[in-house]
C-alpha cells in the first residue's frame, strides 16, 4: 500500500495544496499559470508562517504582552499590518487570475467571483477590527457597546468581529451599516479602496452573466 503513495517533499506538498485550493475555488484554468500559482504559494506559506508565529507568541510571550501596555499596543499593530498584508496578497492573486483569464479568453465562473468577494470581506473585516483595537476613536460605534481592555490583546469579542465583517460587506456595496461609521480620514480611505474592489467584482459578475446569457 505504502509503495503506491507518492512521496512529496515540502515544495511539492505546497504545490499540491495550492492546486487543491485553486481547483476548489474554480480556478482550474489558472492552475498551469505560474504567476497565479506563485501568488497562491506565497499566500499559503505566509498563512502557515503566521500560524507558527502566533502560536509561539501565544504560548511563550502571552503573559509578557498581557502585562505591558506598550507590548499589547505593538502586538495589535502587528495584527493590523498582517491583515493589510493579506489584503494585498489576495488582491495580487485576484488580479493575476483574472488577467490570465481575460488574456487567454478563458471562461469566468460565478462561484469564483463569490469566493474572491468573501475573501476580501474577511480580510477587510479583520483590518477594520484590528485598527479599532489599536485606536477606537477612528470609528464611531453606536452606543459605544464595545469594551476594550488595553492589557488583554488575546481576548476575542466575536460579536465585535461579526459587526466589522458586516460593516465590510455593506461598505463594499456602498450600504451604510447602522452600528459602525468611519470617524477618520484613514478609515474613509480604506472604505474607498474596498468600494473600488466591490465595483470591480460587481462589474465582473455582470459581464460574466451577460456573456453566459448570450451564449
N, C-alpha and C. Protein backbone atom coordinates (compact mmCIF):
# COMPACT_ATOMS: atom_id res chain seq x y z
N UNK A 1 0.84 -1.21 0.00
CA UNK A 1 0.00 0.00 0.00
C UNK A 1 0.87 1.25 0.00
N UNK A 2 1.87 1.30 0.90
CA UNK A 2 2.71 2.49 1.03
C UNK A 2 3.51 2.74 -0.23
N UNK A 3 3.77 1.66 -1.02
CA UNK A 3 4.55 1.83 -2.24
C UNK A 3 3.76 2.60 -3.30
N UNK A 4 2.43 2.58 -3.19
CA UNK A 4 1.60 3.27 -4.17
C UNK A 4 1.35 4.73 -3.82
N UNK A 5 1.78 5.14 -2.62
CA UNK A 5 1.58 6.52 -2.18
C UNK A 5 2.80 7.35 -2.59
N UNK A 6 2.61 8.40 -3.41
CA UNK A 6 3.75 9.21 -3.85
C UNK A 6 4.38 9.96 -2.70
N UNK A 7 5.71 10.02 -2.70
CA UNK A 7 6.42 10.75 -1.67
C UNK A 7 6.63 12.19 -2.14
N UNK A 8 6.18 13.14 -1.33
CA UNK A 8 6.27 14.55 -1.68
C UNK A 8 7.21 15.27 -0.73
N UNK A 9 8.14 16.04 -1.32
CA UNK A 9 8.95 16.90 -0.46
C UNK A 9 8.13 18.13 -0.10
N UNK A 10 8.69 19.00 0.72
CA UNK A 10 7.93 20.17 1.20
C UNK A 10 7.45 21.04 0.05
N UNK A 11 8.31 21.29 -0.93
CA UNK A 11 7.96 22.16 -2.06
C UNK A 11 6.81 21.56 -2.87
N UNK A 12 6.90 20.26 -3.17
CA UNK A 12 5.83 19.61 -3.94
C UNK A 12 4.53 19.53 -3.16
N UNK A 13 4.65 19.37 -1.82
CA UNK A 13 3.46 19.31 -0.99
C UNK A 13 2.73 20.65 -1.02
N UNK A 14 3.48 21.75 -0.94
CA UNK A 14 2.88 23.08 -1.01
C UNK A 14 2.22 23.29 -2.37
N UNK A 15 2.90 22.84 -3.45
CA UNK A 15 2.31 22.95 -4.78
C UNK A 15 1.01 22.16 -4.88
N UNK A 16 0.99 21.00 -4.25
CA UNK A 16 -0.20 20.17 -4.26
C UNK A 16 -1.35 20.85 -3.52
N UNK A 17 -1.04 21.46 -2.38
CA UNK A 17 -2.04 22.19 -1.61
C UNK A 17 -2.56 23.38 -2.41
N UNK A 18 -1.63 24.08 -3.11
CA UNK A 18 -2.02 25.22 -3.95
C UNK A 18 -3.01 24.77 -5.02
N UNK A 19 -2.69 23.65 -5.68
CA UNK A 19 -3.58 23.12 -6.73
C UNK A 19 -4.97 22.80 -6.17
N UNK A 20 -5.00 22.22 -4.97
CA UNK A 20 -6.28 21.88 -4.35
C UNK A 20 -7.10 23.13 -4.07
N UNK A 21 -6.44 24.17 -3.55
CA UNK A 21 -7.13 25.43 -3.26
C UNK A 21 -7.68 26.04 -4.55
N UNK A 22 -6.86 26.05 -5.59
CA UNK A 22 -7.27 26.68 -6.84
C UNK A 22 -8.43 25.93 -7.48
N UNK A 23 -8.38 24.62 -7.44
CA UNK A 23 -9.47 23.83 -8.02
C UNK A 23 -10.75 24.02 -7.20
N UNK A 24 -10.62 24.07 -5.87
CA UNK A 24 -11.79 24.25 -5.01
C UNK A 24 -12.45 25.60 -5.22
N UNK A 25 -11.66 26.60 -5.69
CA UNK A 25 -12.20 27.93 -5.94
C UNK A 25 -12.49 28.17 -7.42
N UNK A 26 -12.63 27.09 -8.17
CA UNK A 26 -12.94 27.16 -9.61
C UNK A 26 -11.90 27.96 -10.38
N UNK A 27 -10.63 27.79 -9.99
CA UNK A 27 -9.53 28.41 -10.72
C UNK A 27 -8.79 27.37 -11.56
N UNK A 28 -9.53 26.37 -12.03
CA UNK A 28 -8.92 25.27 -12.79
C UNK A 28 -8.10 25.78 -13.96
N UNK A 29 -8.61 26.80 -14.65
CA UNK A 29 -7.95 27.30 -15.85
C UNK A 29 -6.60 27.94 -15.53
N UNK A 30 -6.43 28.41 -14.29
CA UNK A 30 -5.21 29.13 -13.93
C UNK A 30 -4.15 28.25 -13.27
N UNK A 31 -4.47 26.97 -13.09
CA UNK A 31 -3.55 26.08 -12.38
C UNK A 31 -2.17 26.04 -13.04
N UNK A 32 -2.15 26.09 -14.37
CA UNK A 32 -0.88 25.99 -15.09
C UNK A 32 -0.22 27.35 -15.32
N UNK A 33 -0.83 28.41 -14.81
CA UNK A 33 -0.25 29.75 -14.98
C UNK A 33 0.69 30.03 -13.80
N UNK A 34 2.01 30.13 -14.05
CA UNK A 34 3.00 30.28 -12.98
C UNK A 34 2.75 31.49 -12.07
N UNK A 35 2.35 32.62 -12.63
CA UNK A 35 2.16 33.83 -11.82
C UNK A 35 1.04 33.66 -10.79
N UNK A 36 -0.03 32.99 -11.20
CA UNK A 36 -1.15 32.76 -10.29
C UNK A 36 -0.75 31.74 -9.23
N UNK A 37 -0.11 30.67 -9.63
CA UNK A 37 0.31 29.63 -8.67
C UNK A 37 1.33 30.17 -7.68
N UNK A 38 2.24 31.01 -8.16
CA UNK A 38 3.25 31.59 -7.26
C UNK A 38 2.60 32.48 -6.21
N UNK A 39 1.59 33.25 -6.63
CA UNK A 39 0.89 34.11 -5.68
C UNK A 39 0.16 33.28 -4.63
N UNK A 40 -0.48 32.19 -5.07
CA UNK A 40 -1.15 31.28 -4.14
C UNK A 40 -0.14 30.62 -3.20
N UNK A 41 1.00 30.21 -3.76
CA UNK A 41 2.04 29.59 -2.95
C UNK A 41 2.51 30.57 -1.86
N UNK A 42 2.67 31.82 -2.25
CA UNK A 42 3.09 32.86 -1.32
C UNK A 42 2.07 33.04 -0.21
N UNK A 43 0.78 33.00 -0.57
CA UNK A 43 -0.29 33.17 0.42
C UNK A 43 -0.29 32.02 1.42
N UNK A 44 -0.16 30.81 0.93
CA UNK A 44 -0.22 29.64 1.81
C UNK A 44 1.00 29.58 2.73
N UNK A 45 2.18 29.86 2.18
CA UNK A 45 3.39 29.89 3.01
C UNK A 45 3.27 30.97 4.07
N UNK A 46 2.72 32.12 3.68
CA UNK A 46 2.53 33.22 4.63
C UNK A 46 1.57 32.82 5.74
N UNK A 47 0.47 32.13 5.37
CA UNK A 47 -0.52 31.72 6.35
C UNK A 47 0.08 30.71 7.34
N UNK A 48 0.85 29.76 6.82
CA UNK A 48 1.49 28.76 7.69
C UNK A 48 2.49 29.44 8.62
N UNK A 49 3.28 30.36 8.08
CA UNK A 49 4.27 31.08 8.89
C UNK A 49 3.58 31.90 9.97
N UNK A 50 2.48 32.56 9.61
CA UNK A 50 1.74 33.37 10.58
C UNK A 50 1.20 32.50 11.72
N UNK A 51 0.65 31.33 11.37
CA UNK A 51 0.13 30.42 12.39
C UNK A 51 1.23 30.01 13.37
N UNK A 52 2.41 29.74 12.85
CA UNK A 52 3.54 29.36 13.71
C UNK A 52 3.93 30.52 14.62
N UNK A 53 4.03 31.73 14.04
CA UNK A 53 4.42 32.90 14.83
C UNK A 53 3.41 33.19 15.93
N UNK A 54 2.11 33.16 15.59
CA UNK A 54 1.07 33.44 16.58
C UNK A 54 1.03 32.37 17.66
N UNK A 55 1.29 31.13 17.28
CA UNK A 55 1.33 30.05 18.27
C UNK A 55 2.47 30.28 19.25
N UNK A 56 3.63 30.66 18.74
CA UNK A 56 4.79 30.93 19.61
C UNK A 56 4.49 32.12 20.53
N UNK A 57 3.92 33.17 19.98
CA UNK A 57 3.60 34.35 20.78
C UNK A 57 2.60 34.01 21.88
N UNK A 58 1.56 33.25 21.51
CA UNK A 58 0.51 32.92 22.49
C UNK A 58 0.99 31.97 23.57
N UNK A 59 1.95 31.13 23.26
CA UNK A 59 2.41 30.14 24.25
C UNK A 59 3.60 30.63 25.08
N UNK A 60 4.47 31.44 24.49
CA UNK A 60 5.70 31.83 25.19
C UNK A 60 5.70 33.28 25.70
N UNK A 61 4.95 34.15 25.03
CA UNK A 61 5.03 35.57 25.39
C UNK A 61 3.69 36.16 25.80
N UNK A 62 2.70 35.33 25.99
CA UNK A 62 1.36 35.81 26.32
C UNK A 62 1.34 36.67 27.58
N UNK A 63 1.94 36.16 28.64
CA UNK A 63 1.92 36.88 29.91
C UNK A 63 2.70 38.20 29.83
N UNK A 64 3.82 38.20 29.10
CA UNK A 64 4.60 39.42 28.94
C UNK A 64 3.78 40.51 28.25
N UNK A 65 3.10 40.12 27.16
CA UNK A 65 2.32 41.09 26.40
C UNK A 65 1.12 41.57 27.21
N UNK A 66 0.48 40.65 27.93
CA UNK A 66 -0.72 41.00 28.70
C UNK A 66 -0.41 41.92 29.87
N UNK A 67 0.84 41.98 30.30
CA UNK A 67 1.23 42.82 31.44
C UNK A 67 1.93 44.10 31.02
N UNK A 68 1.93 44.37 29.73
CA UNK A 68 2.62 45.57 29.24
C UNK A 68 1.72 46.31 28.24
N UNK A 69 1.42 47.57 28.53
CA UNK A 69 0.60 48.37 27.62
C UNK A 69 1.28 48.56 26.27
N UNK A 70 2.59 48.81 26.30
CA UNK A 70 3.31 49.05 25.06
C UNK A 70 3.38 47.79 24.20
N UNK A 71 3.68 46.63 24.82
CA UNK A 71 3.74 45.38 24.06
C UNK A 71 2.37 45.01 23.52
N UNK A 72 1.33 45.23 24.32
CA UNK A 72 -0.02 44.95 23.86
C UNK A 72 -0.38 45.83 22.67
N UNK A 73 0.01 47.09 22.73
CA UNK A 73 -0.26 48.04 21.64
C UNK A 73 0.46 47.62 20.37
N UNK A 74 1.74 47.27 20.48
CA UNK A 74 2.51 46.87 19.30
C UNK A 74 2.03 45.54 18.73
N UNK A 75 1.55 44.67 19.59
CA UNK A 75 1.00 43.39 19.12
C UNK A 75 -0.23 43.64 18.26
N UNK A 76 -1.07 44.59 18.66
CA UNK A 76 -2.26 44.91 17.88
C UNK A 76 -1.88 45.58 16.55
N UNK A 77 -0.86 46.39 16.56
CA UNK A 77 -0.37 46.99 15.32
C UNK A 77 0.14 45.89 14.39
N UNK A 78 0.83 44.91 14.97
CA UNK A 78 1.33 43.77 14.19
C UNK A 78 0.18 43.03 13.51
N UNK A 79 -0.90 42.79 14.24
CA UNK A 79 -2.07 42.11 13.67
C UNK A 79 -2.72 42.95 12.57
N UNK A 80 -2.71 44.26 12.75
CA UNK A 80 -3.27 45.16 11.73
C UNK A 80 -2.46 45.09 10.45
N UNK A 81 -1.14 45.10 10.57
CA UNK A 81 -0.27 45.02 9.40
C UNK A 81 -0.41 43.67 8.70
N UNK A 82 -0.62 42.62 9.48
CA UNK A 82 -0.83 41.29 8.91
C UNK A 82 -2.10 41.27 8.06
N UNK A 83 -3.18 41.86 8.58
CA UNK A 83 -4.44 41.91 7.83
C UNK A 83 -4.25 42.69 6.53
N UNK A 84 -3.53 43.80 6.60
CA UNK A 84 -3.26 44.60 5.40
C UNK A 84 -2.42 43.81 4.40
N UNK A 85 -1.46 43.07 4.90
CA UNK A 85 -0.59 42.25 4.06
C UNK A 85 -1.41 41.21 3.28
N UNK A 86 -2.36 40.55 3.97
CA UNK A 86 -3.17 39.53 3.30
C UNK A 86 -4.14 40.14 2.29
N UNK A 87 -4.59 41.35 2.54
CA UNK A 87 -5.41 42.04 1.55
C UNK A 87 -4.61 42.26 0.27
N UNK A 88 -3.37 42.69 0.41
CA UNK A 88 -2.51 42.94 -0.75
C UNK A 88 -2.24 41.65 -1.52
N UNK A 89 -1.92 40.56 -0.79
CA UNK A 89 -1.65 39.28 -1.45
C UNK A 89 -2.91 38.76 -2.14
N UNK A 90 -4.08 38.91 -1.49
CA UNK A 90 -5.34 38.46 -2.09
C UNK A 90 -5.65 39.27 -3.35
N UNK A 91 -5.33 40.56 -3.31
CA UNK A 91 -5.55 41.40 -4.49
C UNK A 91 -4.64 40.97 -5.63
N UNK A 92 -3.40 40.62 -5.32
CA UNK A 92 -2.45 40.16 -6.34
C UNK A 92 -2.95 38.87 -6.99
N UNK A 93 -3.43 37.94 -6.15
CA UNK A 93 -3.99 36.69 -6.67
C UNK A 93 -5.16 36.97 -7.61
N UNK A 94 -6.06 37.86 -7.19
CA UNK A 94 -7.24 38.19 -8.00
C UNK A 94 -6.86 38.82 -9.33
N UNK A 95 -5.94 39.80 -9.28
CA UNK A 95 -5.52 40.49 -10.49
C UNK A 95 -4.85 39.53 -11.47
N UNK A 96 -3.94 38.70 -10.97
CA UNK A 96 -3.23 37.77 -11.85
C UNK A 96 -4.19 36.73 -12.43
N UNK A 97 -5.12 36.26 -11.61
CA UNK A 97 -6.06 35.24 -12.08
C UNK A 97 -6.94 35.79 -13.19
N UNK A 98 -7.55 36.94 -12.97
CA UNK A 98 -8.47 37.49 -13.96
C UNK A 98 -7.73 38.04 -15.18
N UNK A 99 -6.52 38.54 -14.97
CA UNK A 99 -5.72 38.97 -16.12
C UNK A 99 -5.45 37.79 -17.05
N UNK A 100 -5.10 36.66 -16.44
CA UNK A 100 -4.84 35.45 -17.23
C UNK A 100 -6.08 35.01 -17.99
N UNK A 101 -7.25 35.04 -17.33
CA UNK A 101 -8.49 34.63 -17.98
C UNK A 101 -8.86 35.56 -19.12
N UNK A 102 -8.68 36.87 -18.92
CA UNK A 102 -9.02 37.83 -19.97
C UNK A 102 -8.09 37.69 -21.17
N UNK A 103 -6.80 37.53 -20.90
CA UNK A 103 -5.82 37.44 -21.99
C UNK A 103 -6.01 36.17 -22.81
N UNK A 104 -6.31 35.06 -22.12
CA UNK A 104 -6.45 33.78 -22.82
C UNK A 104 -7.88 33.53 -23.30
N UNK A 105 -8.82 34.37 -22.88
CA UNK A 105 -10.21 34.19 -23.30
C UNK A 105 -10.90 33.04 -22.59
N UNK A 106 -10.38 32.64 -21.42
CA UNK A 106 -10.99 31.53 -20.68
C UNK A 106 -12.28 31.99 -20.01
N UNK A 107 -13.11 31.02 -19.66
CA UNK A 107 -14.40 31.32 -19.05
C UNK A 107 -14.25 31.67 -17.57
N UNK A 108 -15.02 32.65 -17.10
CA UNK A 108 -15.02 33.05 -15.70
C UNK A 108 -16.25 32.46 -15.02
N UNK A 109 -16.06 31.90 -13.83
CA UNK A 109 -17.15 31.26 -13.11
C UNK A 109 -17.72 32.17 -12.03
N UNK A 110 -19.03 32.13 -11.84
CA UNK A 110 -19.68 32.93 -10.80
C UNK A 110 -19.15 32.58 -9.41
N UNK A 111 -19.01 31.27 -9.16
CA UNK A 111 -18.58 30.83 -7.83
C UNK A 111 -17.21 31.37 -7.47
N UNK A 112 -16.34 31.50 -8.46
CA UNK A 112 -15.01 32.04 -8.21
C UNK A 112 -15.08 33.51 -7.81
N UNK A 113 -15.95 34.27 -8.47
CA UNK A 113 -16.12 35.68 -8.12
C UNK A 113 -16.62 35.81 -6.68
N UNK A 114 -17.56 34.95 -6.31
CA UNK A 114 -18.10 34.97 -4.95
C UNK A 114 -17.03 34.62 -3.93
N UNK A 115 -16.18 33.63 -4.25
CA UNK A 115 -15.09 33.25 -3.34
C UNK A 115 -14.12 34.41 -3.14
N UNK A 116 -13.78 35.10 -4.22
CA UNK A 116 -12.88 36.25 -4.13
C UNK A 116 -13.52 37.34 -3.28
N UNK A 117 -14.81 37.56 -3.49
CA UNK A 117 -15.55 38.57 -2.74
C UNK A 117 -15.55 38.25 -1.24
N UNK A 118 -15.83 37.00 -0.89
CA UNK A 118 -15.84 36.58 0.52
C UNK A 118 -14.46 36.77 1.14
N UNK A 119 -13.41 36.45 0.38
CA UNK A 119 -12.05 36.63 0.88
C UNK A 119 -11.77 38.08 1.23
N UNK A 120 -12.18 39.00 0.36
CA UNK A 120 -11.97 40.42 0.62
C UNK A 120 -12.76 40.88 1.84
N UNK A 121 -13.98 40.38 2.00
CA UNK A 121 -14.79 40.74 3.17
C UNK A 121 -14.08 40.32 4.45
N UNK A 122 -13.56 39.11 4.47
CA UNK A 122 -12.88 38.59 5.65
C UNK A 122 -11.62 39.40 5.99
N UNK A 123 -10.82 39.70 4.97
CA UNK A 123 -9.57 40.41 5.21
C UNK A 123 -9.80 41.88 5.58
N UNK A 124 -10.74 42.54 4.88
CA UNK A 124 -11.05 43.93 5.23
C UNK A 124 -11.71 43.99 6.61
N UNK A 125 -12.58 43.02 6.91
CA UNK A 125 -13.21 42.98 8.22
C UNK A 125 -12.17 42.83 9.33
N UNK A 126 -11.18 41.96 9.08
CA UNK A 126 -10.10 41.79 10.06
C UNK A 126 -9.29 43.07 10.21
N UNK A 127 -9.07 43.75 9.10
CA UNK A 127 -8.32 45.01 9.14
C UNK A 127 -9.06 46.06 9.97
N UNK A 128 -10.36 46.24 9.71
CA UNK A 128 -11.14 47.20 10.48
C UNK A 128 -11.13 46.85 11.97
N UNK A 129 -11.33 45.57 12.27
CA UNK A 129 -11.37 45.14 13.66
C UNK A 129 -10.05 45.42 14.37
N UNK A 130 -8.93 45.12 13.71
CA UNK A 130 -7.63 45.32 14.33
C UNK A 130 -7.28 46.80 14.46
N UNK A 131 -7.68 47.60 13.47
CA UNK A 131 -7.47 49.05 13.58
C UNK A 131 -8.26 49.60 14.76
N UNK A 132 -9.48 49.10 14.94
CA UNK A 132 -10.30 49.55 16.07
C UNK A 132 -9.64 49.22 17.40
N UNK A 133 -9.01 48.05 17.47
CA UNK A 133 -8.33 47.67 18.71
C UNK A 133 -7.12 48.58 18.98
N UNK A 134 -6.50 49.08 17.92
CA UNK A 134 -5.35 49.98 18.08
C UNK A 134 -5.80 51.37 18.51
N UNK A 135 -6.85 51.89 17.82
CA UNK A 135 -7.33 53.24 18.13
C UNK A 135 -8.83 53.32 17.89
N UNK A 136 -9.60 53.28 18.98
CA UNK A 136 -11.05 53.23 18.88
C UNK A 136 -11.66 54.52 18.30
N UNK A 137 -10.98 55.65 18.49
CA UNK A 137 -11.52 56.94 18.05
C UNK A 137 -11.61 57.07 16.53
N UNK A 138 -11.01 56.14 15.78
CA UNK A 138 -11.07 56.19 14.32
C UNK A 138 -12.44 55.77 13.79
N UNK A 139 -13.25 55.19 14.67
CA UNK A 139 -14.60 54.77 14.30
C UNK A 139 -15.63 55.43 15.22
N UNK A 140 -16.83 55.53 14.72
CA UNK A 140 -17.97 55.91 15.55
C UNK A 140 -18.84 54.67 15.72
N UNK A 141 -18.96 54.20 16.96
CA UNK A 141 -19.71 52.99 17.24
C UNK A 141 -21.01 53.37 17.95
N UNK A 142 -22.12 52.90 17.42
CA UNK A 142 -23.42 53.22 18.01
C UNK A 142 -23.50 52.70 19.44
N UNK A 143 -23.84 53.58 20.36
CA UNK A 143 -23.99 53.28 21.80
C UNK A 143 -22.68 52.86 22.46
N UNK A 144 -21.58 52.93 21.69
CA UNK A 144 -20.25 52.59 22.24
C UNK A 144 -20.30 51.28 23.03
N UNK A 145 -20.73 50.23 22.36
CA UNK A 145 -21.06 48.97 23.05
C UNK A 145 -19.85 48.08 23.33
N UNK A 146 -18.69 48.40 22.77
CA UNK A 146 -17.54 47.52 22.94
C UNK A 146 -16.61 48.02 24.04
N UNK A 147 -16.27 47.12 24.94
CA UNK A 147 -15.30 47.45 25.98
C UNK A 147 -13.95 46.85 25.59
N UNK A 148 -12.95 47.72 25.46
CA UNK A 148 -11.61 47.28 25.05
C UNK A 148 -10.66 47.40 26.23
N UNK A 149 -10.14 46.28 26.68
CA UNK A 149 -9.13 46.27 27.74
C UNK A 149 -7.76 46.30 27.07
N UNK A 150 -7.03 47.39 27.26
CA UNK A 150 -5.75 47.56 26.57
C UNK A 150 -4.70 46.53 27.00
N UNK A 151 -4.94 45.85 28.10
CA UNK A 151 -3.98 44.86 28.57
C UNK A 151 -4.40 43.43 28.22
N UNK A 152 -5.47 43.28 27.44
CA UNK A 152 -5.94 41.94 27.08
C UNK A 152 -6.04 41.83 25.56
N UNK A 153 -4.90 41.73 24.88
CA UNK A 153 -4.93 41.67 23.41
C UNK A 153 -5.37 40.32 22.87
N UNK A 154 -5.47 39.31 23.73
CA UNK A 154 -5.79 37.97 23.25
C UNK A 154 -7.27 37.62 23.43
N UNK A 155 -8.07 38.57 23.92
CA UNK A 155 -9.49 38.34 24.10
C UNK A 155 -10.23 38.66 22.81
N UNK A 156 -11.05 37.72 22.32
CA UNK A 156 -11.74 37.90 21.06
C UNK A 156 -13.23 38.07 21.30
N UNK A 157 -13.75 39.23 20.96
CA UNK A 157 -15.17 39.52 21.06
C UNK A 157 -15.80 39.17 19.71
N UNK A 158 -16.44 38.01 19.65
CA UNK A 158 -16.97 37.53 18.36
C UNK A 158 -18.11 38.41 17.86
N UNK A 159 -18.83 39.05 18.75
CA UNK A 159 -19.89 39.96 18.33
C UNK A 159 -19.28 41.18 17.63
N UNK A 160 -18.18 41.69 18.18
CA UNK A 160 -17.49 42.83 17.55
C UNK A 160 -16.90 42.43 16.20
N UNK A 161 -16.28 41.26 16.16
CA UNK A 161 -15.70 40.77 14.90
C UNK A 161 -16.78 40.61 13.84
N UNK A 162 -17.92 40.04 14.23
CA UNK A 162 -19.03 39.87 13.29
C UNK A 162 -19.53 41.23 12.79
N UNK A 163 -19.60 42.20 13.70
CA UNK A 163 -20.04 43.54 13.31
C UNK A 163 -19.12 44.14 12.25
N UNK A 164 -17.82 43.98 12.43
CA UNK A 164 -16.89 44.55 11.46
C UNK A 164 -16.91 43.78 10.13
N UNK A 165 -17.22 42.50 10.17
CA UNK A 165 -17.39 41.74 8.92
C UNK A 165 -18.62 42.23 8.17
N UNK A 166 -19.70 42.46 8.91
CA UNK A 166 -20.92 43.00 8.28
C UNK A 166 -20.65 44.41 7.74
N UNK A 167 -19.90 45.20 8.52
CA UNK A 167 -19.53 46.56 8.08
C UNK A 167 -18.73 46.50 6.78
N UNK A 168 -17.82 45.55 6.69
CA UNK A 168 -17.01 45.38 5.49
C UNK A 168 -17.88 44.99 4.29
N UNK A 169 -18.79 44.03 4.51
CA UNK A 169 -19.66 43.57 3.42
C UNK A 169 -20.57 44.70 2.93
N UNK A 170 -21.13 45.46 3.86
CA UNK A 170 -22.01 46.57 3.49
C UNK A 170 -21.24 47.66 2.75
N UNK A 171 -20.04 47.96 3.26
CA UNK A 171 -19.25 49.03 2.65
C UNK A 171 -18.88 48.71 1.21
N UNK A 172 -18.63 47.45 0.92
CA UNK A 172 -18.25 47.07 -0.44
C UNK A 172 -19.37 47.34 -1.44
N UNK A 173 -20.63 47.37 -0.95
CA UNK A 173 -21.78 47.64 -1.82
C UNK A 173 -22.35 49.04 -1.57
N UNK A 174 -21.55 49.91 -0.94
CA UNK A 174 -21.96 51.30 -0.68
C UNK A 174 -23.24 51.37 0.16
N UNK A 175 -23.36 50.45 1.11
CA UNK A 175 -24.50 50.43 2.01
C UNK A 175 -24.02 50.77 3.42
N UNK A 176 -24.70 51.69 4.08
CA UNK A 176 -24.33 52.07 5.44
C UNK A 176 -24.73 50.98 6.43
N UNK A 177 -23.83 50.72 7.38
CA UNK A 177 -24.15 49.79 8.46
C UNK A 177 -24.44 50.62 9.70
N UNK A 178 -25.63 50.48 10.25
CA UNK A 178 -26.12 51.40 11.27
C UNK A 178 -25.34 51.38 12.58
N UNK A 179 -24.50 50.37 12.80
CA UNK A 179 -23.80 50.26 14.08
C UNK A 179 -22.38 50.85 14.03
N UNK A 180 -21.80 50.96 12.84
CA UNK A 180 -20.41 51.41 12.73
C UNK A 180 -20.28 52.45 11.62
N UNK A 181 -19.54 53.52 11.91
CA UNK A 181 -19.28 54.57 10.92
C UNK A 181 -17.82 54.99 10.99
N UNK A 182 -17.33 55.46 9.87
CA UNK A 182 -15.96 56.00 9.84
C UNK A 182 -15.91 57.33 10.58
N UNK A 183 -14.83 57.54 11.33
CA UNK A 183 -14.66 58.80 12.05
C UNK A 183 -13.27 59.38 11.79
N UNK A 184 -12.67 58.99 10.66
CA UNK A 184 -11.32 59.47 10.36
C UNK A 184 -11.03 59.36 8.87
N UNK A 185 -10.04 60.10 8.43
CA UNK A 185 -9.63 60.05 7.03
C UNK A 185 -9.07 58.68 6.67
N UNK A 186 -8.33 58.07 7.59
CA UNK A 186 -7.73 56.76 7.33
C UNK A 186 -8.79 55.72 7.00
N UNK A 187 -9.81 55.63 7.83
CA UNK A 187 -10.87 54.64 7.60
C UNK A 187 -11.63 54.97 6.32
N UNK A 188 -11.84 56.24 6.04
CA UNK A 188 -12.54 56.64 4.82
C UNK A 188 -11.77 56.22 3.58
N UNK A 189 -10.44 56.35 3.64
CA UNK A 189 -9.60 55.94 2.51
C UNK A 189 -9.70 54.43 2.31
N UNK A 190 -9.65 53.67 3.41
CA UNK A 190 -9.79 52.22 3.31
C UNK A 190 -11.17 51.86 2.77
N UNK A 191 -12.20 52.60 3.20
CA UNK A 191 -13.55 52.39 2.68
C UNK A 191 -13.59 52.56 1.17
N UNK A 192 -12.94 53.62 0.67
CA UNK A 192 -12.92 53.89 -0.77
C UNK A 192 -12.22 52.75 -1.52
N UNK A 193 -11.11 52.26 -0.98
CA UNK A 193 -10.39 51.15 -1.62
C UNK A 193 -11.28 49.91 -1.68
N UNK A 194 -12.01 49.67 -0.60
CA UNK A 194 -12.89 48.50 -0.59
C UNK A 194 -14.04 48.67 -1.57
N UNK A 195 -14.55 49.89 -1.70
CA UNK A 195 -15.62 50.15 -2.66
C UNK A 195 -15.12 49.90 -4.09
N UNK A 196 -13.89 50.31 -4.38
CA UNK A 196 -13.30 50.07 -5.71
C UNK A 196 -13.25 48.58 -6.01
N UNK A 197 -12.83 47.80 -5.00
CA UNK A 197 -12.82 46.34 -5.16
C UNK A 197 -14.22 45.82 -5.43
N UNK A 198 -15.20 46.33 -4.67
CA UNK A 198 -16.58 45.90 -4.85
C UNK A 198 -17.12 46.22 -6.23
N UNK A 199 -16.81 47.43 -6.73
CA UNK A 199 -17.27 47.82 -8.07
C UNK A 199 -16.66 46.91 -9.13
N UNK A 200 -15.38 46.59 -8.96
CA UNK A 200 -14.71 45.69 -9.92
C UNK A 200 -15.39 44.32 -9.93
N UNK A 201 -15.68 43.77 -8.75
CA UNK A 201 -16.28 42.44 -8.68
C UNK A 201 -17.71 42.44 -9.21
N UNK A 202 -18.45 43.51 -8.91
CA UNK A 202 -19.82 43.61 -9.43
C UNK A 202 -19.80 43.69 -10.95
N UNK A 203 -18.88 44.52 -11.49
CA UNK A 203 -18.76 44.65 -12.95
C UNK A 203 -18.39 43.31 -13.57
N UNK A 204 -17.50 42.59 -12.90
CA UNK A 204 -17.08 41.29 -13.40
C UNK A 204 -18.24 40.30 -13.38
N UNK A 205 -19.03 40.36 -12.31
CA UNK A 205 -20.18 39.47 -12.18
C UNK A 205 -21.20 39.75 -13.29
N UNK A 206 -21.47 41.05 -13.54
CA UNK A 206 -22.45 41.43 -14.56
C UNK A 206 -21.97 41.02 -15.96
N UNK A 207 -20.69 41.30 -16.25
CA UNK A 207 -20.16 40.95 -17.57
C UNK A 207 -20.17 39.44 -17.80
N UNK A 208 -19.87 38.68 -16.73
CA UNK A 208 -19.91 37.22 -16.83
C UNK A 208 -21.33 36.73 -17.08
N UNK A 209 -22.29 37.36 -16.40
CA UNK A 209 -23.70 37.00 -16.57
C UNK A 209 -24.15 37.27 -18.01
N UNK A 210 -23.75 38.42 -18.54
CA UNK A 210 -24.12 38.79 -19.91
C UNK A 210 -23.53 37.80 -20.92
N UNK A 211 -22.23 37.45 -20.70
CA UNK A 211 -21.58 36.51 -21.61
C UNK A 211 -22.25 35.15 -21.60
N UNK A 212 -22.59 34.67 -20.41
CA UNK A 212 -23.22 33.34 -20.31
C UNK A 212 -24.64 33.38 -20.88
N UNK A 213 -25.32 34.51 -20.74
CA UNK A 213 -26.70 34.63 -21.24
C UNK A 213 -26.73 34.68 -22.76
N UNK A 214 -25.74 35.32 -23.33
CA UNK A 214 -25.70 35.49 -24.80
C UNK A 214 -25.24 34.24 -25.53
N UNK A 215 -24.74 33.26 -24.80
CA UNK A 215 -24.27 32.05 -25.46
C UNK A 215 -25.42 31.17 -25.91
